[in-house]
Each structure stands twice: as structure tokens, then as C-alpha cells.
Amino acid sequence: MDKLDPGKAPVAPLSWIAVAPDAPYFVDESGAAWHPIGQNDSIAWLELAPLYRRRNVAAVEGHLRWLKAHGVTCLRLMLEDAHGRHRFLERPAGRFVPAMVQLWDDLFALCEKVGLRILLTPLDTFWTWIRWRHHPWNKANGGPVDTMSRALLCPETRGALKARLEFAVRRWGGSGALFAWDLWNEIHPANAEDTADCLEEVIHEFSSHVRLLEQRLYGRSHPQTVSLYGPEIRWRPHLNLRDPIFRHPDLDFATIHVYKERSIDDPRDTVAPARAMGEIVRECVAETPLGRPFLDTEHGPIHSFKDRKITLPEAFDDEYFRHMSWAHLASGGAGGGMRWPNRHPHVLTPGMRRAQKAMADFLPLIEWTRFCRRNLSGDAKAKGHDVFACGDDGQAIAWLLRRGSLGPDGRMLADAAPEPAHLALPLAAQSARVVEWDTQNGTRVREQLVEVSDGMLRYETAPLVADRALAIQVV
């Protein structure tokens, strides 16, 4: 088979996304705020699989339109899924499989048509490691390296990755359906013989290769990031993982995959994971330079599903998902975070889609292009409630989660007597407009004008059963 010519993608009419010039969030070409609301997906999973060999392109288009109607704006996808041997992008190394290229041609065309975007990463490093014996990059199969443990140290492997990125840039990089590049999924010391010394150099090599090519071809470039399995920061404090991930000068936004043992990765209730998400986002926002967005691009019950072989009960999982999403947004993350489904089958539930729609409908209540937020969770208080909050001198978001209201199944008690919460939140203003938001139904509860004194907003909510989100704007 001859090496497939990638050609050059025509510039699509869908607007490109960029980091906002004056806030740690995203905008489209018109300057309007844009938010990554979505999840991890796969070309091998149920909902996108019909694109392979064009088995049912219309069904995938219908699915993407359904996602769009539920507030979804973005899918995180691996350019190659190595779960099995029939979805390799290259075979052998450097020769791109026509059926896979056609699949991606169709997916980008559909996303342009529907108005969805893709956060694209060139390979699934986890499954590449697991299926290494069969992978085209394995030296035993004619590839550049004998083991994934030296992938980031091997010039030939780095060259193979740059060639793959270049193919993608030339073929699909002119499309506004491409939100951003995750240049290496879960960059890991294990891919560099357990050292982090090369990470900054590697990121620079990949980043400059992509950015210079995009600038030459299209006169601009898509945002870039590199992801990390978040617990590695705590597990390997002796390695410099923070600077490359949060502060690398070549990257446009920061991301980690938000997992925490015995809460997020194996939830027994729906509150502990929200607290963990809030704490981790708070720490990450503090690590990230001002003006640079931070977002979670992978979370979910990975230990429950992968190791304990448990698919969470749907009602429990829906609440767990919603709580995690609001903890992420209110703590200063861009969007609601991106779930790895970890369900059987690997799809999000209808309840999760309703939660995404409820968040999408809330977002216009904040002027994101001028929202220079800082995390306020440690400074905001509401007796009897956990408070997740962020704000600046003109706006704030708070999400209140009632304490002591868990039922025996780990979910919030639906029949608890409604009670108001009394929020105290730092705000440098004389008055503010507060909109209360029902996160389950995606509706306004009420709107009030409130006086502010001594730099502190003191506000009594309408009675709530379990949780409530607030959008606050100085007037």
C-alpha cells in the first residue's frame, strides 16, 4: 500500500476557538465565549463506531445533533484507539490506513456540519502500552522503538509522532471543528524510563512542530495542551511534573486527568467526589498562570469499573456526574470537566446529558470574556453547606452542596425538608444581582438585587433540598 497523501483540508466555515485575551476561558472568532462541554469518546465505541467503513454515517450525524441539542460542544478523542488491531491509524508505521482516514474525514465533516468540536490527541498511550506487541510502532513490527518505556527518549519515535501530527494538521488542521491539540495523552515518566527531565524539551518539540506548520498553512494555530494522569503529581513529588503541565510557555491551557483514590475513582457516595474535584481544581488553578484556562479532560469511576468490574447504578452515577461537573465549574475550571464514561456500554446516560444541558443553559449568566476569576472556595462560607466558588471584582459563581443529607445509597436525600442557605462570599461592590439556578432541572429559581457591605456578599437563598448554583454580577 502506498503512503496516503494527506492533502490539505479546506478551511471550514466553523469558527476557530482561541483563549480569551482577557480571561482564563475560551472564545470563538467573533469574540463570543465558548465552553468545552462534553466528554471523552472513541471511534471504537457504540455511538461513533458506525463511521468505520461508513456503515451508518447518518446514525452518527443524528447522534451528534442530539448531543448538540443537549448543550454538548466538544468531544475529546484519540486519533488512534489501540483497543484492537483493526483501528490502527498506521500500518505499517508511517503508512496511513485509508479506512481510518476516511472515518476521520467523515467525522470532521459531520462536526463542521453540526457545530461540534474535537479536542484531539494523537494516540491512546494506555492502550498502545497494553497492545504494544501488535502496535505498528513496535520495532518488532517494523516500527521505531522496542518498548513504550523509551518512547519519549527515542528520536525516531518522536519523529513518528511528529509525522502523525503533521498528517493530521495537513488533513484536518484547517477545520474549525478542531478545538485544540492534546499533544501527548497522559505524558508519563514511564514513557521516559521513569524520568521527567525530558518533558519540557519534548513538549517544545511537538508544540513548535505543530504550531509552525499551522501558521504556515493557515496563518494561525489551534490551542495546545498536554495532559497528565493527575495523581502522578502526588505520587511522584520528586519529579518536576508541575512546570511542564501547568506553566510550559508553549502551551495555551492546562489540563490534568482528575482522579483521586477512594472518592473520584471508586465513589461510595456523590459528595466526596465533588469535594475532591473542588480541591484539585483549586490547587490546579493556583498552579496555572493568570489568564491561562485550566480544565479537567478526564475523570470518572475508573477503579470501580476497570478493577472492580462495577458499573455504577444509573441514578447514583447521574448525581455523581452532576456534582463533579458543578464542583469543576464553580471552582474555576473551564466547563464541567470531561468524563471518561466507565460504563457498560461506554456511553453517557440520558441523565448526564440533561446535566450538561442544565449547565450549558446556566453559562450565559456570566460574562466569561471578562471573568478573571480566582478560587474563592476557602473564603466563602455557608453554614451546613460545602461551598465551591470563584470570582473577581465584578462577578462570581458559587455552588452550594448541603451537608449531612446523604441517604443509605450514597445519594442526596430527595425528601429532606427544604432549607435556605446563608452564603457569605467576598465581593468588592456595593450591590450585586444574584441568579439562583436549579442544577437538576436547568431553570432559574429566582433573581434578586442584594446590597453588599464591608466587602462581603451576605445572601439567603430560596429553600433548597440538596444543591444550588448562583451566578453573581456586580451592578
Protein backbone atom coordinates (compact mmCIF):
# COMPACT_ATOMS: atom_id res chain seq x y z
CA MET A 1 0.00 0.00 0.00
CA ASP A 2 1.43 3.41 -0.90
CA LYS A 3 1.73 6.12 1.73
CA LEU A 4 -1.52 8.09 1.65
CA ASP A 5 -1.17 11.73 0.66
CA PRO A 6 -2.82 13.79 3.39
CA GLY A 7 -3.62 16.65 1.07
CA LYS A 8 -4.80 19.89 2.63
CA ALA A 9 -8.16 20.39 4.29
CA PRO A 10 -10.21 23.33 3.06
CA VAL A 11 -10.79 25.96 5.70
CA ALA A 12 -14.24 25.23 7.08
CA PRO A 13 -16.76 27.92 7.97
CA LEU A 14 -16.97 26.75 11.60
CA SER A 15 -15.28 29.38 13.76
CA TRP A 16 -11.90 28.58 15.29
CA ILE A 17 -11.54 28.61 19.07
CA ALA A 18 -8.87 30.55 20.97
CA VAL A 19 -8.05 31.52 24.54
CA ALA A 20 -9.83 34.72 25.53
CA PRO A 21 -7.45 37.69 25.54
CA ASP A 22 -8.55 38.93 28.97
CA ALA A 23 -9.82 35.87 30.84
CA PRO A 24 -8.85 32.22 31.51
CA TYR A 25 -11.61 30.88 29.28
CA PHE A 26 -12.19 30.39 25.54
CA VAL A 27 -13.75 32.44 22.73
CA ASP A 28 -14.65 31.92 19.09
CA GLU A 29 -13.54 34.16 16.24
CA SER A 30 -16.32 36.65 16.90
CA GLY A 31 -15.12 37.09 20.47
CA ALA A 32 -18.11 35.24 21.94
CA ALA A 33 -17.50 32.95 24.90
CA TRP A 34 -17.16 29.25 24.13
CA HIS A 35 -17.08 26.46 26.70
CA PRO A 36 -15.87 22.85 26.43
CA ILE A 37 -18.96 20.91 27.47
CA GLY A 38 -18.56 17.24 26.59
CA GLN A 39 -16.79 14.00 27.42
CA ASN A 40 -14.23 11.51 26.22
CA ASP A 41 -15.44 9.45 23.29
CA SER A 42 -13.94 6.88 20.96
CA ILE A 43 -14.24 5.95 17.33
CA ALA A 44 -14.48 2.34 18.56
CA TRP A 45 -17.37 2.87 21.00
CA LEU A 46 -21.05 2.37 20.34
CA GLU A 47 -22.10 5.84 19.24
CA LEU A 48 -19.28 6.64 16.76
CA ALA A 49 -18.38 3.11 15.66
CA PRO A 50 -20.82 3.15 12.69
CA LEU A 51 -18.44 5.55 10.92
CA TYR A 52 -15.96 2.74 10.35
CA ARG A 53 -16.16 1.77 6.68
CA ARG A 54 -19.18 4.12 6.54
CA ARG A 55 -21.54 1.53 7.94
CA ASN A 56 -24.06 4.15 9.08
CA VAL A 57 -22.92 7.75 8.73
CA ALA A 58 -26.49 9.04 9.07
CA ALA A 59 -26.84 7.45 12.51
CA VAL A 60 -23.70 9.19 13.72
CA GLU A 61 -24.92 12.51 12.36
CA GLY A 62 -28.19 12.03 14.23
CA HIS A 63 -26.28 11.28 17.41
CA LEU A 64 -24.10 14.37 17.06
CA ARG A 65 -27.17 16.54 16.53
CA TRP A 66 -28.70 15.05 19.69
CA LEU A 67 -25.52 15.93 21.59
CA LYS A 68 -25.62 19.48 20.26
CA ALA A 69 -29.24 19.84 21.39
CA HIS A 70 -28.16 18.81 24.89
CA GLY A 71 -25.55 21.54 25.22
CA VAL A 72 -22.54 19.46 24.20
CA THR A 73 -19.88 21.48 22.37
CA CYS A 74 -16.83 19.25 22.39
CA LEU A 75 -15.65 15.63 22.27
CA ARG A 76 -12.22 14.51 23.39
CA LEU A 77 -10.96 11.87 21.01
CA MET A 78 -7.86 9.77 20.39
CA LEU A 79 -6.76 9.87 16.75
CA GLU A 80 -5.87 6.21 17.19
CA ASP A 81 -7.61 3.74 19.53
CA ALA A 82 -5.44 0.69 20.01
CA HIS A 83 -8.07 -1.41 21.83
CA GLY A 84 -7.98 -3.91 18.97
CA ARG A 85 -5.85 -4.47 15.90
CA HIS A 86 -8.34 -3.12 13.35
CA ARG A 87 -8.29 0.59 14.28
CA PHE A 88 -4.59 1.37 13.95
CA LEU A 89 -4.15 4.65 12.12
CA GLU A 90 -0.90 3.47 10.55
CA ARG A 91 0.01 0.02 9.31
CA PRO A 92 2.94 -0.27 8.97
CA ALA A 93 4.38 2.77 10.72
CA GLY A 94 4.17 5.83 8.50
CA ARG A 95 1.51 4.44 6.14
CA PHE A 96 -1.93 5.72 6.99
CA VAL A 97 -4.80 3.26 6.67
CA PRO A 98 -7.35 4.56 4.10
CA ALA A 99 -10.38 3.28 6.04
CA MET A 100 -9.27 5.16 9.15
CA VAL A 101 -8.52 8.34 7.24
CA GLN A 102 -11.96 8.14 5.65
CA LEU A 103 -13.52 7.74 9.11
CA TRP A 104 -11.81 10.91 10.31
CA ASP A 105 -12.70 12.78 7.12
CA ASP A 106 -16.34 11.93 7.75
CA LEU A 107 -16.22 12.77 11.45
CA PHE A 108 -14.67 16.19 10.87
CA ALA A 109 -17.19 16.91 8.11
CA LEU A 110 -20.08 15.93 10.39
CA CYS A 111 -18.77 18.04 13.28
CA GLU A 112 -18.41 21.04 10.96
CA LYS A 113 -21.94 20.49 9.73
CA VAL A 114 -23.47 20.06 13.19
CA GLY A 115 -21.32 22.62 15.02
CA LEU A 116 -19.35 20.39 17.40
CA ARG A 117 -15.63 20.48 18.05
CA ILE A 118 -12.92 17.95 18.83
CA LEU A 119 -10.13 18.02 21.38
CA LEU A 120 -7.73 15.72 19.56
CA THR A 121 -4.83 13.70 20.92
CA PRO A 122 -2.69 11.60 18.56
CA LEU A 123 -2.73 8.26 20.37
CA ASP A 124 -4.18 6.46 23.36
CA THR A 125 -0.99 5.86 25.31
CA PHE A 126 -2.66 3.44 27.75
CA TRP A 127 -3.91 1.04 25.09
CA THR A 128 -0.78 1.50 22.99
CA TRP A 129 1.17 0.24 26.01
CA ILE A 130 -1.24 -2.64 26.64
CA ARG A 131 -1.32 -3.73 22.98
CA TRP A 132 2.32 -2.93 22.28
CA ARG A 133 3.05 -6.41 20.94
CA HIS A 134 0.78 -5.68 17.98
CA HIS A 135 1.40 -1.95 17.51
CA PRO A 136 2.98 -0.75 14.25
CA TRP A 137 5.43 1.48 16.17
CA ASN A 138 6.93 -1.59 17.85
CA LYS A 139 10.37 -2.30 16.40
CA ALA A 140 9.38 -5.96 16.11
CA ASN A 141 6.70 -4.84 13.62
CA GLY A 142 9.00 -2.53 11.70
CA GLY A 143 8.48 0.48 13.97
CA PRO A 144 10.98 2.87 15.57
CA VAL A 145 11.32 1.60 19.16
CA ASP A 146 11.39 -1.67 21.08
CA THR A 147 9.41 -0.54 24.15
CA MET A 148 6.99 2.24 25.13
CA SER A 149 9.15 2.88 28.19
CA ARG A 150 11.61 4.72 25.91
CA ALA A 151 9.11 6.36 23.58
CA LEU A 152 9.79 9.93 24.73
CA LEU A 153 13.55 9.40 24.75
CA CYS A 154 13.76 7.88 21.28
CA PRO A 155 14.32 10.45 18.47
CA GLU A 156 12.80 8.11 15.90
CA THR A 157 9.61 7.66 17.96
CA ARG A 158 9.32 11.39 18.49
CA GLY A 159 9.75 11.71 14.73
CA ALA A 160 6.93 9.21 14.18
CA LEU A 161 4.67 11.20 16.47
CA LYS A 162 5.52 14.44 14.65
CA ALA A 163 4.80 12.76 11.32
CA ARG A 164 1.41 11.66 12.61
CA LEU A 165 0.67 15.16 13.90
CA GLU A 166 1.78 16.63 10.58
CA PHE A 167 -0.54 14.33 8.66
CA ALA A 168 -3.43 15.42 10.90
CA VAL A 169 -2.55 19.12 10.60
CA ARG A 170 -2.45 18.96 6.82
CA ARG A 171 -5.60 16.86 6.53
CA TRP A 172 -7.87 18.36 9.22
CA GLY A 173 -5.99 21.30 10.75
CA GLY A 174 -7.80 23.88 8.62
CA SER A 175 -11.09 22.95 10.25
CA GLY A 176 -12.81 24.94 12.96
CA ALA A 177 -14.14 21.61 14.20
CA LEU A 178 -10.70 21.12 15.72
CA PHE A 179 -10.88 22.83 19.10
CA ALA A 180 -7.38 22.05 20.31
CA TRP A 181 -4.48 19.61 20.40
CA ASP A 182 -3.60 17.46 23.39
CA LEU A 183 -0.12 16.79 22.04
CA TRP A 184 0.51 13.67 24.15
CA ASN A 185 -2.19 11.89 26.10
CA GLU A 186 -1.15 11.42 29.75
CA ILE A 187 2.51 12.23 29.31
CA HIS A 188 4.22 9.99 31.82
CA PRO A 189 7.67 9.34 33.28
CA ALA A 190 7.10 5.68 32.41
CA ASN A 191 7.48 6.65 28.74
CA ALA A 192 10.91 8.15 29.54
CA GLU A 193 12.45 5.44 31.73
CA ASP A 194 10.89 6.99 34.86
CA THR A 195 12.34 10.45 34.48
CA ALA A 196 10.64 13.79 33.86
CA ASP A 197 13.83 15.54 32.77
CA CYS A 198 12.92 15.45 29.08
CA LEU A 199 9.29 16.57 29.34
CA GLU A 200 9.77 20.27 28.75
CA GLU A 201 12.03 19.60 25.77
CA VAL A 202 9.62 17.03 24.29
CA ILE A 203 6.62 19.32 24.68
CA HIS A 204 8.53 22.15 22.99
CA GLU A 205 9.48 19.86 20.11
CA PHE A 206 5.91 18.69 19.49
CA SER A 207 4.34 22.10 20.11
CA SER A 208 6.62 24.08 17.82
CA HIS A 209 6.30 21.46 15.07
CA VAL A 210 2.51 21.74 15.06
CA ARG A 211 2.28 25.47 15.59
CA LEU A 212 4.78 26.43 12.89
CA LEU A 213 3.11 24.13 10.38
CA GLU A 214 -0.37 25.50 11.16
CA GLN A 215 0.89 29.06 10.92
CA ARG A 216 2.46 28.32 7.56
CA LEU A 217 -0.61 26.54 6.17
CA TYR A 218 -3.45 28.51 7.76
CA GLY A 219 -1.96 31.71 9.17
CA ARG A 220 -3.00 30.79 12.72
CA SER A 221 -2.90 27.87 15.11
CA HIS A 222 -5.23 25.91 17.35
CA PRO A 223 -4.79 25.96 21.14
CA GLN A 224 -2.45 23.35 22.61
CA THR A 225 -2.16 21.42 25.86
CA VAL A 226 -0.57 18.24 27.21
CA SER A 227 -2.45 16.03 29.66
CA LEU A 228 -1.23 14.19 32.74
CA TYR A 229 -2.74 11.47 34.91
CA GLY A 230 -3.34 13.77 37.88
CA PRO A 231 -2.40 11.50 40.82
CA GLU A 232 1.16 11.33 39.48
CA ILE A 233 1.72 14.83 40.87
CA ARG A 234 1.11 13.50 44.40
CA TRP A 235 2.70 10.10 43.83
CA ARG A 236 5.95 11.48 42.39
CA PRO A 237 6.67 14.78 44.17
CA HIS A 238 10.41 14.32 43.49
CA LEU A 239 9.80 14.73 39.75
CA ASN A 240 9.17 18.06 38.06
CA LEU A 241 5.71 17.45 36.63
CA ARG A 242 4.10 20.75 37.56
CA ASP A 243 6.14 23.11 35.39
CA PRO A 244 5.64 21.23 32.09
CA ILE A 245 1.91 20.70 32.65
CA PHE A 246 0.80 23.97 34.20
CA ARG A 247 3.39 26.52 33.08
CA HIS A 248 5.08 25.39 29.88
CA PRO A 249 5.48 28.57 27.80
CA ASP A 250 4.45 26.85 24.56
CA LEU A 251 1.07 25.64 25.82
CA ASP A 252 -2.17 27.61 25.80
CA PHE A 253 -4.17 25.90 28.53
CA ALA A 254 -3.51 23.44 31.33
CA THR A 255 -5.19 20.12 31.93
CA ILE A 256 -4.85 17.04 34.08
CA HIS A 257 -7.00 13.94 34.40
CA VAL A 258 -8.76 14.35 37.71
CA TYR A 259 -8.76 11.13 39.68
CA LYS A 260 -8.46 10.60 43.41
CA GLU A 261 -8.36 7.30 45.22
CA ARG A 262 -11.37 6.22 47.27
CA SER A 263 -13.50 9.12 46.07
CA ILE A 264 -13.45 10.01 42.37
CA ASP A 265 -12.05 6.71 41.10
CA ASP A 266 -14.22 4.48 43.33
CA PRO A 267 -17.17 6.52 44.64
CA ARG A 268 -19.23 5.31 47.59
CA ASP A 269 -21.32 8.49 47.73
CA THR A 270 -21.87 11.52 45.50
CA VAL A 271 -20.43 14.16 47.84
CA ALA A 272 -16.83 13.04 48.49
CA PRO A 273 -16.04 13.07 44.74
CA ALA A 274 -17.35 16.64 44.44
CA ARG A 275 -15.18 17.75 47.35
CA ALA A 276 -12.17 16.05 45.78
CA MET A 277 -12.85 17.70 42.42
CA GLY A 278 -13.17 21.10 44.08
CA GLU A 279 -9.92 20.68 46.00
CA ILE A 280 -7.99 19.50 42.95
CA VAL A 281 -9.28 22.28 40.69
CA ARG A 282 -8.43 24.83 43.38
CA GLU A 283 -4.86 23.51 43.55
CA CYS A 284 -4.52 23.44 39.76
CA VAL A 285 -5.87 26.97 39.28
CA ALA A 286 -3.27 28.15 41.78
CA GLU A 287 -0.53 26.40 39.78
CA THR A 288 -1.66 27.82 36.42
CA PRO A 289 -0.55 31.28 35.22
CA LEU A 290 -3.12 34.05 35.30
CA GLY A 291 -5.08 34.16 32.06
CA ARG A 292 -4.41 30.51 31.18
CA PRO A 293 -7.51 28.26 31.31
CA PHE A 294 -7.49 25.09 33.35
CA LEU A 295 -9.83 22.18 32.71
CA ASP A 296 -10.17 18.54 33.60
CA THR A 297 -10.12 16.44 30.44
CA GLU A 298 -10.73 13.05 32.01
CA HIS A 299 -12.41 11.85 35.18
CA GLY A 300 -14.73 9.05 36.24
CA PRO A 301 -15.06 5.88 38.32
CA ILE A 302 -12.08 4.16 36.72
CA HIS A 303 -11.21 1.88 39.66
CA SER A 304 -14.83 0.84 40.19
CA PHE A 305 -15.26 -0.01 36.53
CA LYS A 306 -11.88 -1.30 35.39
CA ASP A 307 -10.67 -3.10 38.50
CA ARG A 308 -13.80 -3.93 40.48
CA LYS A 309 -15.89 -4.62 37.34
CA ILE A 310 -18.76 -2.46 38.61
CA THR A 311 -20.99 -0.24 36.50
CA LEU A 312 -22.44 2.31 38.91
CA PRO A 313 -26.25 2.37 39.29
CA GLU A 314 -27.57 4.91 36.84
CA ALA A 315 -29.31 7.21 39.32
CA PHE A 316 -26.20 7.26 41.53
CA ASP A 317 -23.91 7.87 38.56
CA ASP A 318 -26.08 10.70 37.27
CA GLU A 319 -25.80 12.55 40.59
CA TYR A 320 -22.08 11.79 40.90
CA PHE A 321 -21.58 13.19 37.38
CA ARG A 322 -23.62 16.34 38.05
CA HIS A 323 -21.88 17.05 41.35
CA MET A 324 -18.44 16.63 39.78
CA SER A 325 -19.36 18.94 36.90
CA TRP A 326 -20.55 21.79 39.09
CA ALA A 327 -17.64 21.44 41.51
CA HIS A 328 -15.31 21.82 38.49
CA LEU A 329 -17.05 24.88 37.01
CA ALA A 330 -17.62 26.71 40.30
CA SER A 331 -14.04 26.13 41.47
CA GLY A 332 -12.64 27.92 38.40
CA GLY A 333 -12.40 25.23 35.73
CA ALA A 334 -13.47 25.90 32.14
CA GLY A 335 -16.65 23.92 31.50
CA GLY A 336 -17.81 20.95 33.51
CA GLY A 337 -14.89 18.56 33.02
CA MET A 338 -14.78 15.65 30.59
CA ARG A 339 -15.97 12.29 31.85
CA TRP A 340 -14.43 9.01 30.72
CA PRO A 341 -17.67 7.01 30.59
CA ASN A 342 -16.51 3.91 32.52
CA ARG A 343 -19.89 2.32 31.97
CA HIS A 344 -21.06 -0.70 30.04
CA PRO A 345 -21.55 0.19 27.26
CA HIS A 346 -19.16 3.17 27.16
CA VAL A 347 -21.78 5.91 26.79
CA LEU A 348 -23.08 8.68 29.00
CA THR A 349 -26.58 8.26 30.38
CA PRO A 350 -29.57 10.44 29.44
CA GLY A 351 -29.38 11.92 32.95
CA MET A 352 -25.81 13.04 32.32
CA ARG A 353 -26.90 14.66 29.07
CA ARG A 354 -29.62 16.54 30.96
CA ALA A 355 -26.98 17.73 33.42
CA GLN A 356 -24.84 19.01 30.55
CA LYS A 357 -27.81 20.88 29.11
CA ALA A 358 -28.57 22.42 32.51
CA MET A 359 -25.00 23.69 32.78
CA ALA A 360 -24.96 24.97 29.19
CA ASP A 361 -28.11 27.00 29.88
CA PHE A 362 -26.52 28.48 33.03
CA LEU A 363 -23.36 29.68 31.29
CA PRO A 364 -24.83 32.84 29.64
CA LEU A 365 -25.45 34.26 33.12
CA ILE A 366 -21.72 35.11 33.40
CA GLU A 367 -19.72 37.41 31.12
CA TRP A 368 -16.85 34.99 30.63
CA THR A 369 -14.71 37.15 28.36
CA ARG A 370 -14.00 39.50 31.27
CA PHE A 371 -14.16 36.95 34.12
CA CYS A 372 -10.65 36.97 35.63
CA ARG A 373 -11.61 34.51 38.32
CA ARG A 374 -9.69 33.36 41.33
CA ASN A 375 -10.76 30.48 43.51
CA LEU A 376 -12.84 31.63 46.50
CA SER A 377 -13.81 28.28 47.98
CA GLY A 378 -11.67 28.81 51.07
CA ASP A 379 -13.11 32.29 51.67
CA ALA A 380 -16.82 31.66 51.01
CA LYS A 381 -18.98 30.17 53.77
CA ALA A 382 -22.50 28.83 54.15
CA LYS A 383 -23.30 27.04 57.40
CA GLY A 384 -24.32 23.45 56.76
CA HIS A 385 -23.15 23.52 53.14
CA ASP A 386 -19.99 22.90 51.18
CA VAL A 387 -19.23 25.98 49.07
CA PHE A 388 -17.42 25.84 45.75
CA ALA A 389 -16.78 29.32 44.41
CA CYS A 390 -14.67 31.53 42.19
CA GLY A 391 -14.86 35.19 41.29
CA ASP A 392 -13.25 38.54 40.55
CA ASP A 393 -14.21 42.13 41.36
CA GLY A 394 -17.21 42.07 39.04
CA GLN A 395 -18.64 38.54 39.05
CA ALA A 396 -18.72 35.28 40.95
CA ILE A 397 -20.05 31.75 40.73
CA ALA A 398 -20.98 29.71 43.78
CA TRP A 399 -22.29 26.18 44.07
CA LEU A 400 -23.74 25.09 47.41
CA LEU A 401 -23.98 21.42 48.37
CA ARG A 402 -25.91 20.55 51.51
CA ARG A 403 -24.08 18.62 54.23
CA GLY A 404 -25.45 15.77 56.32
CA SER A 405 -28.05 14.87 53.73
CA LEU A 406 -26.80 11.59 52.33
CA GLY A 407 -29.11 8.59 52.13
CA PRO A 408 -28.08 4.96 52.62
CA ASP A 409 -27.42 4.55 48.89
CA GLY A 410 -24.87 7.40 48.87
CA ARG A 411 -27.19 9.86 47.10
CA MET A 412 -28.61 13.09 48.43
CA LEU A 413 -31.93 12.67 50.23
CA ALA A 414 -34.67 13.80 47.86
CA ASP A 415 -37.23 14.10 50.65
CA ALA A 416 -35.17 16.30 53.01
CA ALA A 417 -37.05 19.37 54.23
CA PRO A 418 -36.06 22.37 52.07
CA GLU A 419 -33.99 24.95 53.94
CA PRO A 420 -32.35 28.21 52.87
CA ALA A 421 -28.58 28.53 52.81
CA HIS A 422 -26.86 31.63 54.16
CA LEU A 423 -23.93 32.45 51.92
CA ALA A 424 -21.09 34.82 52.79
CA LEU A 425 -18.80 35.49 49.82
CA PRO A 426 -16.08 38.13 49.34
CA LEU A 427 -17.16 40.73 46.78
CA ALA A 428 -15.78 44.24 46.28
CA ALA A 429 -19.03 46.04 45.42
CA GLN A 430 -21.98 47.93 46.84
CA SER A 431 -24.68 45.80 45.24
CA ALA A 432 -24.98 42.68 43.12
CA ARG A 433 -27.57 40.75 41.16
CA VAL A 434 -27.86 37.10 42.20
CA VAL A 435 -29.48 34.48 39.99
CA GLU A 436 -30.21 31.13 41.66
CA TRP A 437 -30.09 28.08 39.39
CA ASP A 438 -31.64 24.65 39.76
CA THR A 439 -28.87 22.34 38.54
CA GLN A 440 -31.18 19.35 38.13
CA ASN A 441 -33.89 20.98 36.04
CA GLY A 442 -31.77 23.67 34.41
CA THR A 443 -34.09 26.51 35.43
CA ARG A 444 -33.93 29.81 37.29
CA VAL A 445 -35.18 29.63 40.84
CA ARG A 446 -35.22 33.38 41.37
CA GLU A 447 -33.26 36.60 40.77
CA GLN A 448 -32.59 39.26 43.40
CA LEU A 449 -30.70 42.53 43.81
CA VAL A 450 -28.65 42.40 47.02
CA GLU A 451 -26.75 45.04 48.96
CA VAL A 452 -23.09 44.31 49.73
CA SER A 453 -21.33 45.65 52.81
CA ASP A 454 -17.75 45.51 54.13
CA GLY A 455 -16.57 43.63 51.05
CA MET A 456 -18.81 40.65 51.77
CA LEU A 457 -21.94 39.50 49.99
CA ARG A 458 -24.36 38.00 52.51
CA TYR A 459 -27.20 36.23 50.81
CA GLU A 460 -30.03 33.94 51.88
CA THR A 461 -31.07 31.53 49.16
CA ALA A 462 -34.53 30.27 48.47
CA PRO A 463 -35.09 26.97 50.35
CA LEU A 464 -33.13 24.13 48.77
CA VAL A 465 -33.16 20.37 49.21
CA ALA A 466 -29.67 19.37 48.07
CA ASP A 467 -27.74 21.91 45.99
CA ARG A 468 -27.98 25.26 44.25
CA ALA A 469 -25.82 27.25 41.83
CA LEU A 470 -25.55 31.05 41.94
CA ALA A 471 -24.45 33.49 39.25
CA ILE A 472 -23.46 36.81 40.80
CA GLN A 473 -22.82 40.06 38.96
CA VAL A 474 -21.89 43.44 40.41
CA VAL A 475 -24.32 46.23 39.45
